[in-house]
Amino acid sequence: MAKPTKLHEIIAVEGDLQNTANKVIDEAIQTFSKKAEHFVEQLSILRMHDDERQDENTTDHKAMVTTVGDKLDYVGKHLIKYYDAISRKERTNQEARADLVVGDDVLIADMPGTLLLGLESRLRQFRTMCEAIPTLQPGIIWVHDGDRSGRVYKIAEPRKRFKTEKIKESKVIVQATKEFPAQVDTWTVDKPCGTISDQIWSGMLSPAEKSDLIGRVDTILRAVKQARQRANEAEVVDLRVGKTIVDYILG
């Protein structure tokens, strides 16, 4: 039988786990708020209409750095470790406990009162991060890309646009005479010379998905508050809650 973990061992690592969790959440908020381009991939293909200009055909690919789902999973892994450390310490410190109930389901049984109190502020921090999540651009039809792993959308139809080039045109204003040359007016016009097809991918969430995610955080928050009020003293056990909570929120 493995030697039981001591309280001081949990306390010794809790600070480091907290600092790491805070850093990854802050970094995620910065990415969601200021680096939304990380979640977008674009492929631009130029095909010239003129057969003699096929050497001008180009393909421009801007790769997606990551997806919102991957970023949330990365944050979730660190939060699982941190929440587990908190839960084990608080359960040892306090005998008060209650079930975490969502609807008619017991999501987590026997949660300590002090843990429930601490989770309230930490889940609010999680909610702040969720509020920063960028969502798909409105006014565009987005569909799930079944050929991509993870939660990736693409526009339903590639965007078509023309490549233009400037062409000089002219018109004789005054015909030439024996004494004077013709007066010619010249100007420049933009004429289509090719078609560009833009296919766009996005790793962002839809507004409905973001709303549902925040709704699940709020559901957990309400359940935590209610459970804290019902907490009673009980014998200490090894309680790990991180994975259950993160899995519920992230789906």
Protein backbone atom coordinates (compact mmCIF):
# COMPACT_ATOMS: atom_id res chain seq x y z
CA MET A 1 0.00 0.00 0.00
CA ALA A 2 1.33 3.43 -0.96
CA LYS A 3 2.26 5.79 1.81
CA PRO A 4 -0.55 8.34 2.36
CA THR A 5 0.17 11.88 1.20
CA LYS A 6 0.72 14.28 4.08
CA LEU A 7 -0.89 17.69 4.34
CA HIS A 8 2.45 19.49 4.29
CA GLU A 9 3.26 17.82 0.95
CA ILE A 10 0.15 19.33 -0.59
CA ILE A 11 0.87 22.75 0.91
CA ALA A 12 4.43 22.62 -0.44
CA VAL A 13 3.26 22.36 -4.07
CA GLU A 14 0.00 24.34 -3.90
CA GLY A 15 1.70 27.72 -4.43
CA ASP A 16 3.52 26.57 -7.56
CA LEU A 17 0.36 25.04 -9.01
CA GLN A 18 -1.58 28.23 -8.29
CA ASN A 19 1.05 30.42 -9.99
CA THR A 20 1.09 28.18 -13.05
CA ALA A 21 -2.72 28.12 -13.30
CA ASN A 22 -2.86 31.93 -13.03
CA LYS A 23 -0.21 32.34 -15.72
CA VAL A 24 -1.91 30.06 -18.23
CA ILE A 25 -5.29 31.75 -17.64
CA ASP A 26 -3.76 35.23 -18.04
CA GLU A 27 -1.99 34.12 -21.20
CA ALA A 28 -5.22 32.63 -22.53
CA ILE A 29 -7.10 35.89 -21.85
CA GLN A 30 -4.40 37.85 -23.71
CA THR A 31 -4.59 35.45 -26.65
CA PHE A 32 -8.40 35.49 -26.77
CA SER A 33 -8.55 39.31 -26.46
CA LYS A 34 -5.63 40.47 -28.61
CA LYS A 35 -4.53 37.59 -30.83
CA ALA A 36 -7.75 36.39 -32.40
CA GLU A 37 -5.84 35.94 -35.68
CA HIS A 38 -4.19 32.87 -34.10
CA PHE A 39 -7.50 31.02 -34.52
CA VAL A 40 -7.94 31.75 -38.26
CA GLU A 41 -6.52 29.95 -41.29
CA GLN A 42 -6.81 31.28 -44.83
CA LEU A 43 -5.95 29.84 -48.23
CA SER A 44 -5.89 32.31 -51.15
CA ILE A 45 -5.56 30.90 -54.65
CA LEU A 46 -4.99 33.13 -57.69
CA ARG A 47 -5.71 31.59 -61.09
CA MET A 48 -5.14 33.90 -64.09
CA HIS A 49 -7.72 33.82 -66.85
CA ASP A 50 -5.17 34.19 -69.63
CA ASP A 51 -3.47 30.89 -70.53
CA GLU A 52 -0.28 32.78 -71.34
CA ARG A 53 -0.12 34.17 -67.78
CA GLN A 54 -0.38 30.90 -65.88
CA ASP A 55 3.09 31.49 -64.45
CA GLU A 56 1.50 34.28 -62.40
CA ASN A 57 -0.77 31.81 -60.55
CA THR A 58 -0.14 31.88 -56.80
CA THR A 59 -1.25 30.09 -53.66
CA ASP A 60 -1.01 31.93 -50.34
CA HIS A 61 -1.57 29.92 -47.15
CA LYS A 62 -1.79 31.44 -43.67
CA ALA A 63 -1.76 28.60 -41.16
CA MET A 64 -3.86 28.47 -37.99
CA VAL A 65 -1.73 28.75 -34.85
CA THR A 66 -4.20 27.02 -32.54
CA THR A 67 -7.92 26.65 -31.79
CA VAL A 68 -10.00 27.95 -28.91
CA GLY A 69 -10.73 24.33 -28.01
CA ASP A 70 -7.03 23.45 -27.81
CA LYS A 71 -6.33 26.55 -25.71
CA LEU A 72 -9.16 25.65 -23.32
CA ASP A 73 -7.88 22.09 -23.05
CA TYR A 74 -4.38 23.42 -22.24
CA VAL A 75 -5.76 25.67 -19.51
CA GLY A 76 -7.96 22.85 -18.24
CA LYS A 77 -5.00 20.50 -17.71
CA HIS A 78 -3.33 23.01 -15.38
CA LEU A 79 -6.58 23.80 -13.59
CA ILE A 80 -7.17 20.10 -12.93
CA LYS A 81 -3.83 19.85 -11.11
CA TYR A 82 -4.47 23.06 -9.18
CA TYR A 83 -8.06 22.25 -8.22
CA ASP A 84 -6.99 18.79 -7.06
CA ALA A 85 -4.30 20.26 -4.79
CA ILE A 86 -6.80 22.70 -3.30
CA SER A 87 -9.44 20.05 -2.76
CA ARG A 88 -7.11 17.66 -0.96
CA LYS A 89 -5.77 20.37 1.35
CA GLU A 90 -9.14 21.85 2.18
CA ARG A 91 -10.69 18.45 2.80
CA THR A 92 -7.93 17.73 5.30
CA ASN A 93 -8.37 21.10 7.01
CA GLN A 94 -12.12 20.92 7.27
CA GLU A 95 -14.60 18.25 8.20
CA ALA A 96 -17.54 20.22 6.84
CA ARG A 97 -18.76 18.81 3.54
CA ALA A 98 -21.72 18.58 1.18
CA ASP A 99 -22.64 17.14 -2.21
CA LEU A 100 -22.26 19.28 -5.32
CA VAL A 101 -25.65 18.89 -6.99
CA VAL A 102 -26.63 20.07 -10.48
CA GLY A 103 -30.33 19.53 -11.10
CA ASP A 104 -31.12 16.05 -9.81
CA ASP A 105 -27.56 14.76 -10.29
CA VAL A 106 -24.84 14.58 -7.68
CA LEU A 107 -21.86 15.83 -9.68
CA ILE A 108 -19.33 15.49 -6.86
CA ALA A 109 -20.11 13.97 -3.48
CA ASP A 110 -18.80 15.13 -0.11
CA MET A 111 -17.14 18.44 -0.99
CA PRO A 112 -15.57 20.37 1.92
CA GLY A 113 -17.04 23.69 2.88
CA THR A 114 -13.72 25.53 2.62
CA LEU A 115 -13.13 24.10 -0.86
CA LEU A 116 -16.55 25.21 -1.97
CA LEU A 117 -15.79 28.71 -0.70
CA GLY A 118 -12.47 28.85 -2.52
CA LEU A 119 -13.87 27.50 -5.78
CA GLU A 120 -16.35 30.35 -6.00
CA SER A 121 -13.65 32.97 -6.65
CA ARG A 122 -11.63 30.66 -8.88
CA LEU A 123 -14.59 29.75 -11.05
CA ARG A 124 -15.37 33.46 -11.41
CA GLN A 125 -11.83 33.84 -12.75
CA PHE A 126 -12.53 31.00 -15.18
CA ARG A 127 -15.71 32.84 -16.22
CA THR A 128 -13.72 36.02 -16.94
CA MET A 129 -11.52 34.02 -19.29
CA CYS A 130 -14.58 32.55 -21.02
CA GLU A 131 -16.00 36.04 -21.54
CA ALA A 132 -12.84 36.90 -23.50
CA ILE A 133 -13.29 34.02 -25.98
CA PRO A 134 -13.59 35.33 -29.57
CA THR A 135 -16.57 34.14 -31.59
CA LEU A 136 -17.19 33.51 -35.28
CA GLN A 137 -17.73 36.60 -37.42
CA PRO A 138 -21.47 37.30 -37.79
CA GLY A 139 -23.13 37.61 -41.18
CA ILE A 140 -21.22 34.62 -42.57
CA ILE A 141 -22.46 31.04 -42.94
CA TRP A 142 -20.05 28.82 -41.01
CA VAL A 143 -20.07 25.02 -41.11
CA HIS A 144 -18.07 22.40 -39.20
CA ASP A 145 -15.14 21.08 -41.20
CA GLY A 146 -15.44 17.32 -40.94
CA ASP A 147 -11.97 16.85 -42.40
CA ARG A 148 -10.33 18.66 -39.48
CA SER A 149 -9.80 17.26 -36.02
CA GLY A 150 -11.08 19.35 -33.15
CA ARG A 151 -13.61 22.15 -33.27
CA VAL A 152 -12.83 23.89 -36.58
CA TYR A 153 -15.31 25.82 -38.73
CA LYS A 154 -15.03 26.93 -42.35
CA ILE A 155 -17.08 29.29 -44.47
CA ALA A 156 -19.78 27.46 -46.40
CA GLU A 157 -18.59 28.77 -49.77
CA PRO A 158 -15.18 30.21 -50.74
CA ARG A 159 -15.17 33.96 -51.26
CA LYS A 160 -14.62 35.04 -54.84
CA ARG A 161 -12.93 38.30 -55.76
CA PHE A 162 -11.23 39.68 -58.85
CA LYS A 163 -7.58 40.48 -59.32
CA THR A 164 -7.39 43.69 -61.34
CA GLU A 165 -4.68 45.46 -63.29
CA LYS A 166 -4.49 49.01 -64.59
CA ILE A 167 -5.05 49.39 -68.35
CA LYS A 168 -4.53 52.62 -70.26
CA GLU A 169 -7.33 53.71 -72.56
CA SER A 170 -7.54 56.68 -74.88
CA LYS A 171 -9.96 58.66 -76.98
CA VAL A 172 -9.40 61.22 -79.72
CA ILE A 173 -10.91 64.51 -78.61
CA VAL A 174 -9.93 66.64 -81.61
CA GLN A 175 -9.03 65.11 -84.96
CA ALA A 176 -5.66 65.93 -86.48
CA THR A 177 -5.39 68.69 -89.10
CA LYS A 178 -2.65 69.73 -91.46
CA GLU A 179 -1.48 72.26 -88.90
CA PHE A 180 -1.99 70.40 -85.60
CA PRO A 181 -1.78 66.82 -84.36
CA ALA A 182 -4.81 65.12 -82.94
CA GLN A 183 -5.69 65.84 -79.31
CA VAL A 184 -5.97 62.57 -77.42
CA ASP A 185 -7.31 62.08 -73.89
CA THR A 186 -5.81 59.11 -72.00
CA TRP A 187 -6.81 57.56 -68.69
CA THR A 188 -6.28 54.43 -66.63
CA VAL A 189 -8.96 51.89 -65.72
CA ASP A 190 -8.93 48.79 -63.50
CA LYS A 191 -9.85 45.65 -65.42
CA PRO A 192 -10.25 42.11 -64.02
CA CYS A 193 -7.39 39.80 -64.98
CA GLY A 194 -7.95 36.90 -62.59
CA THR A 195 -10.16 35.44 -59.88
CA ILE A 196 -9.06 34.89 -56.29
CA SER A 197 -10.83 32.22 -54.25
CA ASP A 198 -10.51 32.64 -50.46
CA GLN A 199 -11.36 29.65 -48.23
CA ILE A 200 -11.37 30.64 -44.56
CA TRP A 201 -11.17 28.39 -41.50
CA SER A 202 -11.69 29.39 -37.88
CA GLY A 203 -10.98 27.74 -34.57
CA MET A 204 -13.24 30.19 -32.74
CA LEU A 205 -16.49 29.23 -31.03
CA SER A 206 -19.94 30.15 -32.26
CA PRO A 207 -21.79 32.72 -30.12
CA ALA A 208 -24.14 29.91 -29.01
CA GLU A 209 -21.22 27.70 -27.95
CA LYS A 210 -19.65 30.55 -25.98
CA SER A 211 -22.97 31.32 -24.29
CA ASP A 212 -23.44 27.63 -23.43
CA LEU A 213 -19.91 27.45 -22.00
CA ILE A 214 -20.48 30.48 -19.77
CA GLY A 215 -23.86 29.04 -18.79
CA ARG A 216 -22.21 25.85 -17.55
CA VAL A 217 -19.73 27.89 -15.49
CA ASP A 218 -22.66 29.79 -13.94
CA THR A 219 -24.44 26.50 -13.21
CA ILE A 220 -21.41 25.18 -11.37
CA LEU A 221 -21.04 28.46 -9.47
CA ARG A 222 -24.63 28.32 -8.23
CA ALA A 223 -24.24 24.66 -7.22
CA VAL A 224 -21.03 25.43 -5.33
CA LYS A 225 -22.68 28.25 -3.36
CA GLN A 226 -25.64 26.06 -2.41
CA ALA A 227 -23.42 23.14 -1.41
CA ARG A 228 -21.28 25.36 0.83
CA GLN A 229 -24.37 26.32 2.82
CA ARG A 230 -25.19 22.65 3.38
CA ALA A 231 -21.72 21.61 4.41
CA ASN A 232 -21.25 19.52 7.59
CA GLU A 233 -18.19 18.17 9.34
CA ALA A 234 -16.95 14.73 8.35
CA GLU A 235 -13.88 12.51 8.28
CA VAL A 236 -11.10 13.55 5.87
CA VAL A 237 -10.73 11.62 2.58
CA ASP A 238 -8.60 12.08 -0.56
CA LEU A 239 -10.86 14.18 -2.81
CA ARG A 240 -9.93 15.12 -6.39
CA VAL A 241 -12.37 17.39 -8.19
CA GLY A 242 -10.41 19.07 -10.95
CA LYS A 243 -11.10 16.72 -13.86
CA THR A 244 -14.81 16.42 -13.12
CA ILE A 245 -15.31 20.20 -13.02
CA VAL A 246 -13.17 20.98 -16.06
CA ASP A 247 -14.74 18.14 -18.08
CA TYR A 248 -18.22 19.41 -17.22
CA ILE A 249 -17.42 23.00 -18.27
CA LEU A 250 -15.51 22.14 -21.45
CA GLY A 251 -17.93 19.39 -22.40
